[in-house]
């Protein structure tokens, strides 16, 4: 998942590319039992929070109980997102998080 840094309007990112939980562009979109597509890590975290709180697993969008935690990869959406990013280098660059700082220094 990649944070858009609050620039969704400026970048023209389609809403369908955004995880409804994080509002970030999905890189690993999966469909949950509620019929909605989420970024895999976000919906898995949602399931874990429900369990930790001792609650049934519910849809983050509708609040309805989910009959299962099965996740199905949304290959079509993933391809659409990948294609859009490859066609728009400016969009891809804006959505790419900065590289983590390198641990420098001289060892001994």
N, C-alpha and C. Protein backbone atom coordinates (compact mmCIF):
# COMPACT_ATOMS: atom_id res chain seq x y z
N UNK A 1 0.86 -1.17 0.00
CA UNK A 1 0.00 0.00 0.00
C UNK A 1 0.90 1.22 0.00
N UNK A 2 0.49 2.20 -0.73
CA UNK A 2 1.31 3.40 -0.87
C UNK A 2 0.49 4.61 -0.48
N UNK A 3 1.03 5.40 0.40
CA UNK A 3 0.35 6.62 0.84
C UNK A 3 0.45 7.67 -0.25
N UNK A 4 -0.66 8.30 -0.54
CA UNK A 4 -0.71 9.31 -1.58
C UNK A 4 -0.31 10.68 -1.06
N UNK A 5 -0.09 10.82 0.22
CA UNK A 5 0.32 12.09 0.77
C UNK A 5 -0.73 13.17 0.63
N UNK A 6 -2.02 12.79 0.55
CA UNK A 6 -3.10 13.76 0.47
C UNK A 6 -3.24 14.43 -0.88
N UNK A 7 -2.67 13.87 -1.93
CA UNK A 7 -2.70 14.51 -3.24
C UNK A 7 -3.65 13.84 -4.21
N UNK A 8 -4.63 13.11 -3.74
CA UNK A 8 -5.48 12.33 -4.64
C UNK A 8 -6.13 13.18 -5.72
N UNK A 9 -6.64 14.35 -5.39
CA UNK A 9 -7.29 15.19 -6.38
C UNK A 9 -6.31 15.68 -7.43
N UNK A 10 -5.14 16.11 -7.00
CA UNK A 10 -4.13 16.61 -7.92
C UNK A 10 -3.63 15.52 -8.86
N UNK A 11 -3.59 14.28 -8.38
CA UNK A 11 -3.03 13.20 -9.17
C UNK A 11 -4.07 12.49 -10.03
N UNK A 12 -5.34 12.72 -9.77
CA UNK A 12 -6.38 12.08 -10.55
C UNK A 12 -6.45 10.58 -10.33
N UNK A 13 -6.24 10.13 -9.11
CA UNK A 13 -6.31 8.71 -8.80
C UNK A 13 -7.78 8.29 -8.72
N UNK A 14 -8.19 7.30 -9.53
CA UNK A 14 -9.59 6.84 -9.45
C UNK A 14 -9.91 6.28 -8.06
N UNK A 15 -11.10 6.56 -7.57
CA UNK A 15 -11.51 6.06 -6.25
C UNK A 15 -11.42 4.55 -6.17
N UNK A 16 -11.65 3.86 -7.29
CA UNK A 16 -11.61 2.40 -7.30
C UNK A 16 -10.22 1.85 -6.98
N UNK A 17 -9.19 2.68 -7.13
CA UNK A 17 -7.83 2.25 -6.84
C UNK A 17 -7.49 2.40 -5.36
N UNK A 18 -8.37 3.04 -4.60
CA UNK A 18 -8.08 3.36 -3.20
C UNK A 18 -8.71 2.35 -2.26
N UNK A 19 -7.94 1.93 -1.28
CA UNK A 19 -8.48 1.05 -0.24
C UNK A 19 -9.47 1.86 0.59
N UNK A 20 -10.68 1.34 0.81
CA UNK A 20 -11.66 2.09 1.60
C UNK A 20 -11.27 2.25 3.07
N UNK A 21 -10.33 1.46 3.54
CA UNK A 21 -9.88 1.59 4.93
C UNK A 21 -8.82 2.67 5.05
N UNK A 22 -7.78 2.58 4.23
CA UNK A 22 -6.63 3.48 4.35
C UNK A 22 -6.69 4.70 3.43
N UNK A 23 -7.54 4.63 2.41
CA UNK A 23 -7.61 5.67 1.38
C UNK A 23 -6.28 5.81 0.64
N UNK A 24 -5.52 4.71 0.55
CA UNK A 24 -4.27 4.67 -0.19
C UNK A 24 -4.43 3.77 -1.40
N UNK A 25 -3.61 4.00 -2.42
CA UNK A 25 -3.65 3.16 -3.61
C UNK A 25 -3.30 1.73 -3.22
N UNK A 26 -4.10 0.79 -3.71
CA UNK A 26 -3.89 -0.62 -3.38
C UNK A 26 -2.86 -1.24 -4.33
N UNK A 27 -1.90 -1.94 -3.76
CA UNK A 27 -0.92 -2.67 -4.54
C UNK A 27 -1.19 -4.17 -4.50
N UNK A 28 -1.95 -4.62 -3.50
CA UNK A 28 -2.34 -6.03 -3.38
C UNK A 28 -3.83 -6.09 -3.06
N UNK A 29 -4.68 -5.70 -4.04
CA UNK A 29 -6.12 -5.67 -3.77
C UNK A 29 -6.72 -7.06 -3.66
N UNK A 30 -7.55 -7.24 -2.64
CA UNK A 30 -8.24 -8.52 -2.43
C UNK A 30 -9.71 -8.25 -2.14
N UNK A 31 -10.56 -9.18 -2.59
CA UNK A 31 -11.99 -9.06 -2.31
C UNK A 31 -12.31 -9.88 -1.06
N UNK A 32 -13.01 -9.25 -0.14
CA UNK A 32 -13.41 -9.92 1.10
C UNK A 32 -14.83 -10.46 0.95
N UNK A 33 -15.28 -11.17 1.97
CA UNK A 33 -16.59 -11.81 1.94
C UNK A 33 -17.74 -10.82 1.86
N UNK A 34 -17.49 -9.54 2.15
CA UNK A 34 -18.55 -8.53 2.03
C UNK A 34 -18.70 -8.02 0.61
N UNK A 35 -17.86 -8.53 -0.32
CA UNK A 35 -17.94 -8.13 -1.72
C UNK A 35 -17.14 -6.89 -2.06
N UNK A 36 -16.48 -6.29 -1.09
CA UNK A 36 -15.68 -5.10 -1.32
C UNK A 36 -14.20 -5.47 -1.45
N UNK A 37 -13.46 -4.62 -2.14
CA UNK A 37 -12.03 -4.84 -2.34
C UNK A 37 -11.25 -3.92 -1.42
N UNK A 38 -10.22 -4.50 -0.79
CA UNK A 38 -9.37 -3.79 0.16
C UNK A 38 -7.91 -4.12 -0.14
N UNK A 39 -7.01 -3.30 0.37
CA UNK A 39 -5.59 -3.66 0.39
C UNK A 39 -5.45 -4.81 1.38
N UNK A 40 -4.77 -5.88 0.96
CA UNK A 40 -4.68 -7.10 1.77
C UNK A 40 -4.25 -6.81 3.21
N UNK A 41 -3.18 -6.06 3.39
CA UNK A 41 -2.67 -5.83 4.76
C UNK A 41 -3.69 -5.07 5.61
N UNK A 42 -4.45 -4.17 4.99
CA UNK A 42 -5.42 -3.38 5.74
C UNK A 42 -6.59 -4.23 6.23
N UNK A 43 -7.13 -5.09 5.37
CA UNK A 43 -8.27 -5.90 5.79
C UNK A 43 -7.82 -6.98 6.78
N UNK A 44 -6.60 -7.49 6.62
CA UNK A 44 -6.09 -8.45 7.60
C UNK A 44 -5.91 -7.79 8.96
N UNK A 45 -5.41 -6.56 8.97
CA UNK A 45 -5.31 -5.82 10.23
C UNK A 45 -6.69 -5.60 10.84
N UNK A 46 -7.68 -5.29 10.00
CA UNK A 46 -9.05 -5.08 10.47
C UNK A 46 -9.57 -6.35 11.14
N UNK A 47 -9.36 -7.51 10.49
CA UNK A 47 -9.79 -8.78 11.07
C UNK A 47 -9.13 -8.99 12.43
N UNK A 48 -7.83 -8.71 12.52
CA UNK A 48 -7.10 -8.90 13.77
C UNK A 48 -7.63 -8.01 14.88
N UNK A 49 -7.95 -6.77 14.56
CA UNK A 49 -8.49 -5.85 15.57
C UNK A 49 -9.84 -6.37 16.08
N UNK A 50 -10.68 -6.84 15.17
CA UNK A 50 -11.97 -7.41 15.59
C UNK A 50 -11.75 -8.54 16.59
N UNK A 51 -10.82 -9.43 16.27
CA UNK A 51 -10.55 -10.58 17.14
C UNK A 51 -9.99 -10.14 18.49
N UNK A 52 -9.04 -9.20 18.46
CA UNK A 52 -8.44 -8.71 19.71
C UNK A 52 -9.50 -8.10 20.61
N UNK A 53 -10.45 -7.40 19.99
CA UNK A 53 -11.52 -6.76 20.76
C UNK A 53 -12.63 -7.75 21.14
N UNK A 54 -12.47 -9.01 20.74
CA UNK A 54 -13.47 -10.02 21.07
C UNK A 54 -14.78 -9.85 20.31
N UNK A 55 -14.72 -9.19 19.19
CA UNK A 55 -15.91 -8.93 18.39
C UNK A 55 -15.94 -9.88 17.19
N UNK A 56 -17.13 -10.13 16.65
CA UNK A 56 -17.18 -10.89 15.40
C UNK A 56 -16.54 -10.06 14.29
N UNK A 57 -16.02 -10.74 13.29
CA UNK A 57 -15.42 -10.03 12.16
C UNK A 57 -16.54 -9.40 11.36
N UNK A 58 -16.49 -8.09 11.25
CA UNK A 58 -17.52 -7.32 10.54
C UNK A 58 -16.91 -6.58 9.36
N UNK A 59 -17.75 -6.26 8.41
CA UNK A 59 -17.32 -5.46 7.27
C UNK A 59 -16.98 -4.06 7.76
N UNK A 60 -15.82 -3.52 7.38
CA UNK A 60 -15.51 -2.15 7.77
C UNK A 60 -16.41 -1.12 7.09
N UNK A 61 -17.07 -1.52 6.01
CA UNK A 61 -17.93 -0.57 5.29
C UNK A 61 -19.38 -0.65 5.73
N UNK A 62 -19.91 -1.86 5.89
CA UNK A 62 -21.34 -1.98 6.21
C UNK A 62 -21.60 -2.28 7.68
N UNK A 63 -20.59 -2.80 8.38
CA UNK A 63 -20.78 -3.19 9.77
C UNK A 63 -21.44 -4.55 9.93
N UNK A 64 -21.79 -5.18 8.82
CA UNK A 64 -22.42 -6.51 8.86
C UNK A 64 -21.38 -7.58 9.17
N UNK A 65 -21.82 -8.65 9.85
CA UNK A 65 -20.91 -9.77 10.10
C UNK A 65 -20.46 -10.37 8.77
N UNK A 66 -19.19 -10.73 8.71
CA UNK A 66 -18.66 -11.40 7.52
C UNK A 66 -18.70 -12.90 7.77
N UNK A 67 -19.21 -13.66 6.81
CA UNK A 67 -19.31 -15.11 7.00
C UNK A 67 -17.96 -15.82 7.02
N UNK A 68 -16.93 -15.19 6.47
CA UNK A 68 -15.60 -15.80 6.49
C UNK A 68 -14.54 -14.72 6.35
N UNK A 69 -13.31 -15.14 6.60
CA UNK A 69 -12.17 -14.23 6.44
C UNK A 69 -11.42 -14.52 5.14
N UNK A 70 -12.04 -15.30 4.28
CA UNK A 70 -11.39 -15.64 3.01
C UNK A 70 -11.20 -14.38 2.17
N UNK A 71 -10.01 -14.26 1.60
CA UNK A 71 -9.68 -13.14 0.73
C UNK A 71 -9.33 -13.68 -0.65
N UNK A 72 -9.89 -13.06 -1.67
CA UNK A 72 -9.65 -13.49 -3.05
C UNK A 72 -8.91 -12.38 -3.78
N UNK A 73 -7.74 -12.68 -4.34
CA UNK A 73 -7.01 -11.64 -5.08
C UNK A 73 -7.88 -11.04 -6.18
N UNK A 74 -7.84 -9.73 -6.30
CA UNK A 74 -8.57 -9.03 -7.36
C UNK A 74 -7.55 -8.72 -8.46
N UNK A 75 -7.30 -9.73 -9.30
CA UNK A 75 -6.27 -9.62 -10.33
C UNK A 75 -6.59 -8.53 -11.35
N UNK A 76 -7.86 -8.38 -11.68
CA UNK A 76 -8.26 -7.38 -12.67
C UNK A 76 -7.92 -5.98 -12.18
N UNK A 77 -8.30 -5.68 -10.93
CA UNK A 77 -8.02 -4.35 -10.38
C UNK A 77 -6.52 -4.13 -10.24
N UNK A 78 -5.82 -5.16 -9.81
CA UNK A 78 -4.36 -5.04 -9.67
C UNK A 78 -3.72 -4.68 -11.01
N UNK A 79 -4.17 -5.33 -12.08
CA UNK A 79 -3.62 -5.03 -13.41
C UNK A 79 -3.97 -3.61 -13.84
N UNK A 80 -5.20 -3.17 -13.58
CA UNK A 80 -5.58 -1.80 -13.92
C UNK A 80 -4.70 -0.78 -13.20
N UNK A 81 -4.45 -1.03 -11.92
CA UNK A 81 -3.61 -0.11 -11.13
C UNK A 81 -2.18 -0.13 -11.66
N UNK A 82 -1.64 -1.32 -11.89
CA UNK A 82 -0.28 -1.44 -12.41
C UNK A 82 -0.14 -0.75 -13.76
N UNK A 83 -1.12 -0.97 -14.64
CA UNK A 83 -1.08 -0.34 -15.97
C UNK A 83 -1.14 1.19 -15.85
N UNK A 84 -2.00 1.68 -14.98
CA UNK A 84 -2.13 3.14 -14.80
C UNK A 84 -0.82 3.73 -14.29
N UNK A 85 -0.18 3.04 -13.36
CA UNK A 85 1.08 3.54 -12.82
C UNK A 85 2.19 3.50 -13.88
N UNK A 86 2.17 2.47 -14.73
CA UNK A 86 3.22 2.38 -15.76
C UNK A 86 3.02 3.42 -16.86
N UNK A 87 1.78 3.84 -17.10
CA UNK A 87 1.50 4.86 -18.12
C UNK A 87 1.75 6.27 -17.62
N UNK A 88 1.83 6.43 -16.31
CA UNK A 88 1.97 7.77 -15.75
C UNK A 88 3.15 7.81 -14.78
N UNK A 89 4.35 8.06 -15.31
CA UNK A 89 5.52 8.10 -14.43
C UNK A 89 5.39 9.14 -13.31
N UNK A 90 4.73 10.27 -13.60
CA UNK A 90 4.55 11.29 -12.56
C UNK A 90 3.70 10.76 -11.42
N UNK A 91 2.63 10.03 -11.77
CA UNK A 91 1.76 9.44 -10.76
C UNK A 91 2.52 8.40 -9.97
N UNK A 92 3.23 7.52 -10.66
CA UNK A 92 3.99 6.48 -9.98
C UNK A 92 5.03 7.08 -9.04
N UNK A 93 5.71 8.13 -9.48
CA UNK A 93 6.73 8.77 -8.64
C UNK A 93 6.10 9.41 -7.41
N UNK A 94 4.93 10.03 -7.59
CA UNK A 94 4.26 10.67 -6.46
C UNK A 94 3.77 9.66 -5.44
N UNK A 95 3.45 8.45 -5.90
CA UNK A 95 2.92 7.43 -5.01
C UNK A 95 4.00 6.55 -4.40
N UNK A 96 5.22 6.68 -4.87
CA UNK A 96 6.31 5.85 -4.37
C UNK A 96 6.84 6.46 -3.08
N UNK A 97 6.83 5.68 -2.00
CA UNK A 97 7.35 6.23 -0.75
C UNK A 97 8.85 6.46 -0.86
N UNK A 98 9.36 7.42 -0.10
CA UNK A 98 10.81 7.64 -0.14
C UNK A 98 11.55 6.43 0.40
N UNK A 99 12.74 6.23 -0.10
CA UNK A 99 13.55 5.11 0.37
C UNK A 99 13.92 5.35 1.83
N UNK A 100 13.96 4.28 2.62
CA UNK A 100 14.36 4.46 4.02
C UNK A 100 15.82 4.90 4.07
N UNK A 101 16.16 5.65 5.11
CA UNK A 101 17.55 6.09 5.22
C UNK A 101 18.49 4.90 5.34
N UNK A 102 19.62 5.02 4.71
CA UNK A 102 20.62 3.95 4.77
C UNK A 102 21.40 4.08 6.07
N UNK A 103 21.67 2.95 6.66
CA UNK A 103 22.49 2.95 7.85
C UNK A 103 23.94 3.09 7.40
N UNK A 104 24.48 4.25 7.60
CA UNK A 104 25.86 4.51 7.17
C UNK A 104 26.82 4.29 8.31
N UNK A 105 27.90 4.89 8.17
CA UNK A 105 28.88 4.79 9.26
C UNK A 105 29.87 3.69 8.98
N UNK A 106 30.95 3.82 9.66
CA UNK A 106 32.01 2.85 9.46
C UNK A 106 31.98 1.87 10.61
N UNK A 107 31.98 0.62 10.25
CA UNK A 107 31.92 -0.43 11.26
C UNK A 107 33.29 -0.75 11.79
N UNK A 108 33.30 -1.49 12.85
CA UNK A 108 34.60 -1.82 13.37
C UNK A 108 34.58 -3.03 14.18
